[in-house]
Amino acid sequence: MPPSHGEGGGGELTRPGGTARSPAPDPRPRAGGGRVRAIARALWWTSVYLFLVLFPLLVLLAAPAREGAGLWWDFSMGLGFAGLAVMGIQFALTARFRRASAPFGIDVIYQFHRWVGVGGLLLVVAHYAILRTGFPDALGPASPTSAPGYMTAGRLALFLFGLVVVTSLWRRALRIEYYRWRILHGVVSTAAVVLAALHIQGAGYYTSVRWTRILWIAYSVFWVLLIVYVRLVKPARLLRRPYRVTEVRAERGDAWTLTFEPVGHAGLTFGPGQFVWLTLGGSPFRFREHPFSLSGSAEDPGSLAITIKELGDFTRTVKDTEAGATAYLDGPHGVFSPDNHPAAPGFVFVAGGVGIAPIMSMLRTLADRGDRRPMVLVYGNADRESVIFRDELEALRSRLDLRVVHVLEDPPEGWTGERGLITGEIVRRALPPRASELHYFICGPTPMSEAVQKALRDQGVPLRRVHFELFNMV
């Protein structure tokens, strides 16, 4: 998606570093080595994740077995340890560690975070269900007034884990405002992990031996430090790097472009197509950040800009922002960028509505670099007046080897171009010769993205050359 050019959203992640003015891409093939390194990094971080999730099971295996316990008891304990580990590592998945997220893309990480949370909840539920069915005496009384404190902590943790998952999957259906949900999500998930850790420590079945207790305490401290970093350290760093809004510019299609300048620091450098998390008019401690793509040229240090369409509660207030307002930018993030594919012989961009924002950053950057590789843009909108950057797109055709194909749902009288929604057939008609050798960047609503991806597969375009953002990440 374009990281929430509307409300909430996501992108992919970042390449670390970069320079303010990058050279034109080297046309010599060197993507193979890059792919090998990317795969190696992905395998490394996947191994790290699996180790952190499975580490508590080492405590389970190393500790003395409980007298009278059998297979189902041990299986239940394993499920409980694994479920809590999954939930605890969730904080790492949303900490936006650039090196860890870069091989996958942060939008993929956030989607994984969402669904692995469901898996973690199911593990914990199964842990409780097995005990309830096969070992009811071990659970003891349910009333908090008569149950041991650690058992009440476990039951409360289970309830809170369920609350976190339900409100995350059905936030919009429950009509929970985004920033209120973020506060709820952060507070409740933190409380649930702490209560679950206290439950395991209090139960003591597998932490009664001194060294296993030390291991478990150390692991719990790791979770606490992770939470402190995400909730306190990282916002404190942002607080020391504020930005000032320099312009709020109206665009077509109920969109607005905000430009920023750093205050008291050097700012950030970014690659075309990357995004930032924006906190506008508030403290970074207040859970009011939203992800948005950068729309300016990566070759122009003064073009730190974000283009936002009015789609939700927050985005409808962007036009009321005054020049001089304070903002905080966490980034840049994202691997949705042509800079990661320097050997590409050309590009095809497919955008729907405000999905043009990261692609506009790519086009502006490539134009500033004097890039002459062939490019095609297929851009869908409701009508001609909704085409964001319409005039600039026409001007870019003289600076790039660019063909623009507009697709309008409600075209004006006499329109001879493409009509309706972007479909696989429309994209197929727009493809240039040797289409399977080009790289494709897709940003727009999920149905459009899926239709385009299918059409490209049917045309024999390798999966590694198709890059897309998940339009709704949160």
Foldseek 3Di string as FASTA:
>chain_A
DQFPLEFGGFFFFADPDDDLADAAFDQDDDLVVVVVVLVVLQVVLVVVLVCQLCVLVVLLVPFDADPPDDDLLSLLVSLLSNLLSLLLCLLVLPLRPRSSRVSPTNLVSLVCSLVVLVVSLVSLVSSVVSCVPPPVVLLPDPDPVPGDPLSVLSVLLSVLSVVLNVCVVCVVVVPPDQLNNLVSNLVSSVSSSVSSLSSCVVSCSSLVDPVSVVVSVVSSVVSVVSSCCRQPVVLVVQVVKKKFWADWADWFQQKIKTFIDIDPDDDDQHAQLWWWWKDWQDGSNRSRTGIGTAQAASNDSRRRMTMHHHDDDVRVCSNVDDGGTMMTIGDGTHPLHCVSVSNFQEEEEEEEQPLCRSVNRRLNHCLVNLPARAYEYEYEDAEPRNDTCVVVVVVSVVSYNYHYAYEHQDYDPPDPGHYDDQALVNVVVRADPPNLRHAYEYEYAPVNLVRVVVSCVVVVRDPVRYHYTHGRSD
